[in-house]
Structures are given as C-alpha cells and as structure tokens.
Amino acid sequence: MWQRNDGKSETNILQNQFTKYLMTAIRRRKAAYLNHRGTVERYEFSVDFQEMGSEFSTDPDMLARLPLQMQLENAALKLALEQMKERERYIFLTKVLDARSFEEMATELGMGYKGVAAVYYRAIEKIKKEMRGEEL
C-alpha cells in the first residue's frame, strides 16, 4: 500500500538520498551536454570550405590573401610570420584564423596531436621573440 514519505524512516531517508543523487547526476549531465553543444556551435562554420578552393592552401602567398582587417600592421609580427617555416606558419594561421583543433590539423598533415601542438607553441615563441626584438 502507498505511504507518504516523511523522511524519517531508514527506507525513506535512503530513497531521498538516492533521489537527490539522481537529480544531481541529471543536472550535471544536462550542463555538460549544453556546454558541449555550445562549443560545437561556436566552432562550426556555415561556409563550405570546399567551395573556397585554394584560398586556404599552404603556399607562401597566404599572408597576402588575409582579410583587410587582418593585414598585419605590425612590421615585427609580419616579419616573424614571413621568417617562419611554411608548416609553422600554416599551423599557426590555421589555429588562429580558422580556430581548428590540433586533432583536425594532425589528421590533415599526417602528424601526431602533440607534434602539431609543439609546432604551434614554438611558432608563438618565435613571434614573441621577434616582437620583443630578440634574435630568433
């Protein structure tokens, strides 16, 4: 027969604790799902990059095709990017401008995740040194 849960008996206390556990688990799962969904929406592009053709290729003229507001006004930054190896420049610009993950670039370039990350952070250090006026 049905009884009201007064929260005083051992069975009712256990039931209340389990209910609280389930509600907390559901709330956390919901928050994680919404966070993941927001992250995916933030990084998805509505533009089809296949249609853009060679605009995102790794050729040395990549700097010349940057959008107008991205044309580098700082001569030291421009010099640092020009002095980088092609692969370093590609990884840096792809991460910064296209907001692509290291995993995506690693798959595309046939490298490991840590290798791409190392090249990216090494490129940042080179840019910092050039901006400070230190020799590379």
N, C-alpha and C. Protein backbone atom coordinates (compact mmCIF):
# COMPACT_ATOMS: atom_id res chain seq x y z
N MET A 1 0.82 -1.17 0.00
CA MET A 1 0.00 0.00 0.00
C MET A 1 0.87 1.25 0.00
N TRP A 2 0.36 2.31 -0.53
CA TRP A 2 1.09 3.55 -0.68
C TRP A 2 1.18 4.29 0.65
N GLN A 3 2.41 4.81 0.97
CA GLN A 3 2.60 5.59 2.19
C GLN A 3 3.32 6.89 1.85
N ARG A 4 3.03 7.89 2.61
CA ARG A 4 3.66 9.18 2.41
C ARG A 4 5.11 9.11 2.91
N ASN A 5 6.02 9.73 2.17
CA ASN A 5 7.43 9.74 2.54
C ASN A 5 7.65 10.88 3.53
N ASP A 6 7.83 10.52 4.80
CA ASP A 6 8.02 11.55 5.83
C ASP A 6 9.50 11.86 6.03
N GLY A 7 10.39 11.09 5.43
CA GLY A 7 11.83 11.33 5.51
C GLY A 7 12.44 10.95 6.83
N LYS A 8 11.71 10.21 7.66
CA LYS A 8 12.22 9.86 8.98
C LYS A 8 12.66 8.41 9.08
N SER A 9 11.99 7.53 8.38
CA SER A 9 12.37 6.12 8.46
C SER A 9 13.61 5.88 7.61
N GLU A 10 14.30 4.79 7.90
CA GLU A 10 15.54 4.48 7.18
C GLU A 10 15.30 4.31 5.69
N THR A 11 14.22 3.67 5.32
CA THR A 11 13.88 3.47 3.91
C THR A 11 13.63 4.80 3.21
N ASN A 12 12.90 5.68 3.87
CA ASN A 12 12.60 6.98 3.28
C ASN A 12 13.85 7.85 3.15
N ILE A 13 14.72 7.80 4.15
CA ILE A 13 15.98 8.56 4.09
C ILE A 13 16.81 8.07 2.91
N LEU A 14 16.92 6.77 2.76
CA LEU A 14 17.67 6.19 1.65
C LEU A 14 17.06 6.58 0.31
N GLN A 15 15.74 6.55 0.22
CA GLN A 15 15.05 6.94 -1.01
C GLN A 15 15.30 8.41 -1.32
N ASN A 16 15.28 9.27 -0.31
CA ASN A 16 15.54 10.69 -0.52
C ASN A 16 16.98 10.95 -0.99
N GLN A 17 17.93 10.22 -0.40
CA GLN A 17 19.32 10.37 -0.81
C GLN A 17 19.51 9.92 -2.26
N PHE A 18 18.89 8.81 -2.62
CA PHE A 18 19.00 8.31 -3.99
C PHE A 18 18.36 9.29 -4.97
N THR A 19 17.21 9.85 -4.61
CA THR A 19 16.55 10.83 -5.46
C THR A 19 17.43 12.06 -5.64
N LYS A 20 18.05 12.53 -4.57
CA LYS A 20 18.95 13.68 -4.67
C LYS A 20 20.14 13.35 -5.56
N TYR A 21 20.69 12.14 -5.41
CA TYR A 21 21.80 11.70 -6.27
C TYR A 21 21.40 11.73 -7.74
N LEU A 22 20.22 11.18 -8.06
CA LEU A 22 19.75 11.16 -9.45
C LEU A 22 19.55 12.57 -9.99
N MET A 23 18.95 13.44 -9.21
CA MET A 23 18.71 14.81 -9.66
C MET A 23 20.03 15.54 -9.92
N THR A 24 21.01 15.34 -9.05
CA THR A 24 22.32 15.97 -9.25
C THR A 24 23.00 15.42 -10.50
N ALA A 25 22.94 14.11 -10.69
CA ALA A 25 23.54 13.50 -11.88
C ALA A 25 22.89 14.01 -13.15
N ILE A 26 21.58 14.14 -13.14
CA ILE A 26 20.86 14.63 -14.32
C ILE A 26 21.22 16.09 -14.59
N ARG A 27 21.29 16.92 -13.55
CA ARG A 27 21.65 18.32 -13.71
C ARG A 27 23.05 18.47 -14.29
N ARG A 28 24.00 17.67 -13.78
CA ARG A 28 25.37 17.74 -14.28
C ARG A 28 25.46 17.27 -15.73
N ARG A 29 24.74 16.21 -16.05
CA ARG A 29 24.75 15.70 -17.43
C ARG A 29 24.15 16.73 -18.38
N LYS A 30 23.09 17.38 -17.94
CA LYS A 30 22.45 18.42 -18.76
C LYS A 30 23.43 19.58 -18.99
N ALA A 31 24.11 20.02 -17.94
CA ALA A 31 25.07 21.12 -18.06
C ALA A 31 26.22 20.73 -19.00
N ALA A 32 26.71 19.50 -18.89
CA ALA A 32 27.79 19.04 -19.77
C ALA A 32 27.32 18.99 -21.22
N TYR A 33 26.11 18.52 -21.45
CA TYR A 33 25.56 18.46 -22.80
C TYR A 33 25.41 19.85 -23.40
N LEU A 34 24.87 20.79 -22.64
CA LEU A 34 24.69 22.14 -23.14
C LEU A 34 26.03 22.83 -23.39
N ASN A 35 26.99 22.56 -22.52
CA ASN A 35 28.33 23.12 -22.71
C ASN A 35 28.96 22.58 -23.99
N HIS A 36 28.86 21.27 -24.21
CA HIS A 36 29.41 20.66 -25.41
C HIS A 36 28.71 21.19 -26.66
N ARG A 37 27.39 21.30 -26.58
CA ARG A 37 26.62 21.80 -27.72
C ARG A 37 27.01 23.24 -28.06
N GLY A 38 27.21 24.06 -27.03
CA GLY A 38 27.65 25.44 -27.26
C GLY A 38 29.03 25.50 -27.88
N THR A 39 29.93 24.61 -27.44
CA THR A 39 31.27 24.57 -28.01
C THR A 39 31.22 24.17 -29.48
N VAL A 40 30.43 23.18 -29.81
CA VAL A 40 30.31 22.73 -31.20
C VAL A 40 29.74 23.85 -32.06
N GLU A 41 28.70 24.51 -31.58
CA GLU A 41 28.09 25.60 -32.36
C GLU A 41 29.06 26.76 -32.54
N ARG A 42 29.90 27.00 -31.55
CA ARG A 42 30.86 28.10 -31.64
C ARG A 42 31.90 27.85 -32.73
N TYR A 43 32.28 26.60 -32.94
CA TYR A 43 33.36 26.30 -33.87
C TYR A 43 32.88 25.80 -35.23
N GLU A 44 31.60 25.60 -35.41
CA GLU A 44 31.10 25.18 -36.72
C GLU A 44 30.99 26.39 -37.62
N PHE A 45 31.30 26.19 -38.88
CA PHE A 45 31.21 27.26 -39.85
C PHE A 45 30.09 26.96 -40.82
N SER A 46 29.37 27.99 -41.23
CA SER A 46 28.31 27.79 -42.20
C SER A 46 28.84 27.87 -43.62
N VAL A 47 30.11 28.15 -43.78
CA VAL A 47 30.73 28.27 -45.10
C VAL A 47 31.29 26.92 -45.51
N ASP A 48 31.09 26.56 -46.75
CA ASP A 48 31.65 25.33 -47.26
C ASP A 48 33.07 25.62 -47.75
N PHE A 49 34.07 25.09 -47.04
CA PHE A 49 35.46 25.38 -47.39
C PHE A 49 35.88 24.70 -48.70
N GLN A 50 35.15 23.68 -49.12
CA GLN A 50 35.47 23.04 -50.38
C GLN A 50 35.24 23.99 -51.54
N GLU A 51 34.21 24.83 -51.43
CA GLU A 51 33.90 25.77 -52.49
C GLU A 51 34.91 26.90 -52.58
N MET A 52 35.63 27.16 -51.49
CA MET A 52 36.57 28.27 -51.47
C MET A 52 37.86 27.93 -52.21
N GLY A 53 38.03 26.66 -52.54
CA GLY A 53 39.16 26.26 -53.36
C GLY A 53 40.49 26.40 -52.66
N SER A 54 41.45 26.96 -53.38
CA SER A 54 42.82 27.01 -52.88
C SER A 54 43.07 28.20 -51.96
N GLU A 55 42.05 28.88 -51.53
CA GLU A 55 42.23 30.04 -50.68
C GLU A 55 42.92 29.68 -49.36
N PHE A 56 42.77 28.45 -48.91
CA PHE A 56 43.36 28.04 -47.66
C PHE A 56 44.54 27.09 -47.87
N SER A 57 45.21 27.20 -48.97
CA SER A 57 46.35 26.33 -49.23
C SER A 57 47.57 26.81 -48.45
N THR A 58 48.64 26.05 -48.50
CA THR A 58 49.82 26.37 -47.69
C THR A 58 50.87 27.15 -48.47
N ASP A 59 50.54 27.71 -49.60
CA ASP A 59 51.55 28.40 -50.39
C ASP A 59 52.02 29.67 -49.66
N PRO A 60 53.19 30.19 -50.00
CA PRO A 60 53.76 31.34 -49.30
C PRO A 60 52.93 32.62 -49.43
N ASP A 61 52.04 32.70 -50.40
CA ASP A 61 51.25 33.91 -50.58
C ASP A 61 50.06 33.96 -49.63
N MET A 62 50.01 33.06 -48.66
CA MET A 62 48.88 33.00 -47.74
C MET A 62 48.70 34.34 -47.01
N LEU A 63 49.81 34.97 -46.66
CA LEU A 63 49.73 36.24 -45.94
C LEU A 63 49.08 37.33 -46.80
N ALA A 64 49.30 37.27 -48.11
CA ALA A 64 48.76 38.30 -49.00
C ALA A 64 47.25 38.19 -49.12
N ARG A 65 46.68 37.01 -48.84
CA ARG A 65 45.24 36.81 -49.01
C ARG A 65 44.46 36.97 -47.71
N LEU A 66 45.10 37.47 -46.65
CA LEU A 66 44.38 37.69 -45.41
C LEU A 66 43.34 38.78 -45.62
N PRO A 67 42.22 38.73 -44.89
CA PRO A 67 41.23 39.80 -44.98
C PRO A 67 41.87 41.14 -44.63
N LEU A 68 41.25 42.21 -45.10
CA LEU A 68 41.83 43.54 -44.95
C LEU A 68 42.13 43.87 -43.49
N GLN A 69 41.20 43.58 -42.57
CA GLN A 69 41.46 43.91 -41.17
C GLN A 69 42.54 43.04 -40.57
N MET A 70 42.86 41.93 -41.24
CA MET A 70 43.91 41.06 -40.74
C MET A 70 45.25 41.36 -41.39
N GLN A 71 45.28 42.29 -42.33
CA GLN A 71 46.57 42.67 -42.89
C GLN A 71 47.41 43.17 -41.74
N LEU A 72 48.60 42.69 -41.67
CA LEU A 72 49.41 42.92 -40.49
C LEU A 72 49.99 44.33 -40.49
N GLU A 73 49.55 45.13 -39.53
CA GLU A 73 50.04 46.49 -39.41
C GLU A 73 51.37 46.51 -38.68
N ASN A 74 51.59 45.55 -37.82
CA ASN A 74 52.81 45.50 -37.05
C ASN A 74 53.91 44.84 -37.89
N ALA A 75 54.94 45.59 -38.19
CA ALA A 75 56.01 45.09 -39.05
C ALA A 75 56.75 43.92 -38.41
N ALA A 76 56.93 43.96 -37.09
CA ALA A 76 57.64 42.87 -36.41
C ALA A 76 56.85 41.57 -36.51
N LEU A 77 55.53 41.64 -36.36
CA LEU A 77 54.70 40.44 -36.49
C LEU A 77 54.75 39.90 -37.90
N LYS A 78 54.65 40.79 -38.87
CA LYS A 78 54.70 40.37 -40.27
C LYS A 78 56.05 39.73 -40.58
N LEU A 79 57.11 40.31 -40.09
CA LEU A 79 58.45 39.76 -40.33
C LEU A 79 58.59 38.38 -39.67
N ALA A 80 58.06 38.24 -38.46
CA ALA A 80 58.13 36.95 -37.76
C ALA A 80 57.39 35.88 -38.55
N LEU A 81 56.21 36.20 -39.08
CA LEU A 81 55.45 35.21 -39.86
C LEU A 81 56.16 34.87 -41.16
N GLU A 82 56.79 35.86 -41.78
CA GLU A 82 57.49 35.59 -43.03
C GLU A 82 58.74 34.74 -42.81
N GLN A 83 59.37 34.87 -41.64
CA GLN A 83 60.59 34.11 -41.36
C GLN A 83 60.31 32.67 -40.92
N MET A 84 59.10 32.38 -40.58
CA MET A 84 58.76 31.02 -40.14
C MET A 84 58.80 30.05 -41.30
N LYS A 85 58.99 28.79 -40.95
CA LYS A 85 58.87 27.74 -41.96
C LYS A 85 57.42 27.67 -42.40
N GLU A 86 57.21 27.18 -43.59
CA GLU A 86 55.86 27.12 -44.16
C GLU A 86 54.90 26.34 -43.27
N ARG A 87 55.36 25.21 -42.76
CA ARG A 87 54.50 24.37 -41.92
C ARG A 87 54.13 25.09 -40.62
N GLU A 88 55.11 25.76 -40.00
CA GLU A 88 54.82 26.50 -38.77
C GLU A 88 53.80 27.61 -39.03
N ARG A 89 54.00 28.34 -40.12
CA ARG A 89 53.10 29.44 -40.45
C ARG A 89 51.70 28.91 -40.72
N TYR A 90 51.60 27.78 -41.45
CA TYR A 90 50.30 27.20 -41.76
C TYR A 90 49.57 26.78 -40.49
N ILE A 91 50.28 26.08 -39.60
CA ILE A 91 49.66 25.60 -38.36
C ILE A 91 49.23 26.79 -37.50
N PHE A 92 50.08 27.79 -37.37
CA PHE A 92 49.74 28.96 -36.56
C PHE A 92 48.52 29.69 -37.13
N LEU A 93 48.53 29.99 -38.42
CA LEU A 93 47.42 30.74 -39.02
C LEU A 93 46.13 29.92 -39.04
N THR A 94 46.24 28.62 -39.25
CA THR A 94 45.05 27.78 -39.25
C THR A 94 44.43 27.74 -37.87
N LYS A 95 45.24 27.63 -36.85
CA LYS A 95 44.73 27.60 -35.47
C LYS A 95 44.11 28.95 -35.10
N VAL A 96 44.78 30.04 -35.46
CA VAL A 96 44.31 31.37 -35.06
C VAL A 96 43.13 31.83 -35.91
N LEU A 97 43.24 31.74 -37.22
CA LEU A 97 42.21 32.28 -38.10
C LEU A 97 41.03 31.35 -38.30
N ASP A 98 41.29 30.05 -38.44
CA ASP A 98 40.21 29.10 -38.69
C ASP A 98 39.69 28.45 -37.42
N ALA A 99 40.39 28.66 -36.29
CA ALA A 99 40.01 28.07 -35.00
C ALA A 99 39.84 26.56 -35.10
N ARG A 100 40.75 25.92 -35.83
CA ARG A 100 40.69 24.46 -35.96
C ARG A 100 41.46 23.82 -34.82
N SER A 101 41.06 22.62 -34.46
CA SER A 101 41.70 21.92 -33.35
C SER A 101 43.00 21.27 -33.80
N PHE A 102 43.83 20.95 -32.81
CA PHE A 102 45.08 20.27 -33.11
C PHE A 102 44.82 18.90 -33.72
N GLU A 103 43.73 18.23 -33.28
CA GLU A 103 43.41 16.91 -33.82
C GLU A 103 43.11 16.99 -35.32
N GLU A 104 42.33 17.99 -35.72
CA GLU A 104 41.99 18.14 -37.14
C GLU A 104 43.24 18.40 -37.97
N MET A 105 44.09 19.29 -37.49
CA MET A 105 45.31 19.60 -38.24
C MET A 105 46.25 18.40 -38.27
N ALA A 106 46.31 17.64 -37.17
CA ALA A 106 47.18 16.47 -37.13
C ALA A 106 46.74 15.45 -38.17
N THR A 107 45.45 15.24 -38.29
CA THR A 107 44.92 14.31 -39.28
C THR A 107 45.23 14.80 -40.70
N GLU A 108 45.02 16.07 -40.92
CA GLU A 108 45.26 16.65 -42.25
C GLU A 108 46.73 16.59 -42.65
N LEU A 109 47.63 16.86 -41.70
CA LEU A 109 49.06 16.94 -42.01
C LEU A 109 49.79 15.62 -41.83
N GLY A 110 49.11 14.61 -41.31
CA GLY A 110 49.75 13.32 -41.09
C GLY A 110 50.74 13.36 -39.94
N MET A 111 50.44 14.18 -38.96
CA MET A 111 51.31 14.31 -37.78
C MET A 111 50.53 13.86 -36.56
N GLY A 112 51.21 13.78 -35.44
CA GLY A 112 50.54 13.49 -34.19
C GLY A 112 49.99 14.76 -33.56
N TYR A 113 49.05 14.59 -32.65
CA TYR A 113 48.46 15.72 -31.95
C TYR A 113 49.53 16.56 -31.25
N LYS A 114 50.41 15.88 -30.52
CA LYS A 114 51.44 16.59 -29.77
C LYS A 114 52.44 17.28 -30.69
N GLY A 115 52.68 16.70 -31.85
CA GLY A 115 53.58 17.33 -32.82
C GLY A 115 53.03 18.64 -33.32
N VAL A 116 51.74 18.65 -33.65
CA VAL A 116 51.10 19.88 -34.13
C VAL A 116 51.09 20.92 -33.02
N ALA A 117 50.76 20.49 -31.80
CA ALA A 117 50.74 21.43 -30.68
C ALA A 117 52.12 22.01 -30.43
N ALA A 118 53.15 21.18 -30.53
CA ALA A 118 54.52 21.66 -30.32
C ALA A 118 54.91 22.69 -31.37
N VAL A 119 54.57 22.43 -32.62
CA VAL A 119 54.88 23.39 -33.69
C VAL A 119 54.14 24.70 -33.45
N TYR A 120 52.90 24.63 -33.04
CA TYR A 120 52.09 25.82 -32.78
C TYR A 120 52.72 26.66 -31.67
N TYR A 121 53.04 26.03 -30.56
CA TYR A 121 53.59 26.78 -29.43
C TYR A 121 55.01 27.28 -29.72
N ARG A 122 55.76 26.54 -30.51
CA ARG A 122 57.08 27.00 -30.94
C ARG A 122 56.94 28.25 -31.82
N ALA A 123 55.93 28.25 -32.69
CA ALA A 123 55.68 29.42 -33.54
C ALA A 123 55.31 30.63 -32.69
N ILE A 124 54.52 30.42 -31.66
CA ILE A 124 54.16 31.53 -30.77
C ILE A 124 55.40 32.10 -30.09
N GLU A 125 56.29 31.21 -29.64
CA GLU A 125 57.51 31.69 -29.01
C GLU A 125 58.37 32.48 -29.99
N LYS A 126 58.44 32.04 -31.24
CA LYS A 126 59.21 32.78 -32.25
C LYS A 126 58.61 34.16 -32.47
N ILE A 127 57.30 34.23 -32.52
CA ILE A 127 56.63 35.52 -32.71
C ILE A 127 56.90 36.43 -31.52
N LYS A 128 56.82 35.90 -30.31
CA LYS A 128 57.09 36.71 -29.12
C LYS A 128 58.51 37.27 -29.15
N LYS A 129 59.48 36.42 -29.50
CA LYS A 129 60.87 36.87 -29.56
C LYS A 129 61.04 37.96 -30.61
N GLU A 130 60.43 37.79 -31.76
CA GLU A 130 60.54 38.78 -32.82
C GLU A 130 59.88 40.09 -32.40
N MET A 131 58.76 40.00 -31.72
CA MET A 131 58.06 41.21 -31.28
C MET A 131 58.86 41.96 -30.22
N ARG A 132 59.64 41.24 -29.42
CA ARG A 132 60.48 41.87 -28.41
C ARG A 132 61.79 42.39 -29.00
N GLY A 133 62.08 41.99 -30.25
CA GLY A 133 63.31 42.43 -30.88
C GLY A 133 64.49 41.51 -30.64
N GLU A 134 64.24 40.33 -30.10
CA GLU A 134 65.31 39.37 -29.87
C GLU A 134 65.61 38.63 -31.16
N GLU A 135 66.81 38.07 -31.25
CA GLU A 135 67.15 37.27 -32.42
C GLU A 135 66.54 35.90 -32.30
N LEU A 136 66.11 35.34 -33.46
CA LEU A 136 65.50 34.00 -33.47
C LEU A 136 66.50 32.92 -33.41
